Every structure is written in C-alpha cells, then in structure tokens.
Amino acid sequence: MSKAFVVGEKPLIQGFKGVGFEIVHADSAETVLTALNRLARDPETSLVLVTESAAAENPEAIRQFRESSQAILTTIPTHLGSSHLGFKEMRKMVERSIGVDMLGKE
C-alpha cells in the first residue's frame, strides 16, 4: 500500500494528519536527513511533502532522497510564504532533461 508523508516542523505539519498523511517531525538539518533516509528505504513511500523551511535546513538531504528513491518529493510553503523552492527545482529538472528553460523566469 502506498503511503504519503509530510516532513517538517511539528506546528506546521500537524494538520496533514487529518487528511491521511503520516507526519514526520524534523526541525534541524540532522533530523531532516534522518527522516528522509528512513523514508527513502521504505518501499511503500510514494509521496513526500517537505516544508520549505525544513528543506532549506538540509538541501543535500533532498538531493540524496531524489537520487535514491522513486517516490515523489516536493516542497510546500509555510505560513511565512513561499521561496518558490519547488518551482526552482522543477525548472532545473526540466532544463536538464530537455536542454531548454521552458518555464522561463519566476
């Protein structure tokens, strides 16, 4: 059975539990890395949402997860607004795959 997870600071992700996500508390670079390594090894992980603030704590953990897992990982904005981290990553991937920046500037 596929599972969906949300990773980030406890107060920011608690509401996702009510809509069926499994929540993983991570509020430092070390806990983000530990959480994503564990989820990457779980064959039932199919979707991972990471708060932008948690992703900013450890961008290397995000890269490692994407290289080692077939699950979808994307970042979600916090109550502080968005830094467009998810869009920037998607833009890089599209440009790398087709050789052209189709998505243009932000």
Foldseek 3Di string as FASTA:
>chain_A
DAAEEEEEACVFCVVVVVVRHHYQYDHAQVSLLVVLVVLLPDLRYAYYEYEPNNCVRHVVSVVVSVVRHPHDYAYDYTPVDDPCPRVVVVQVVVCVVPVDRPVDDD
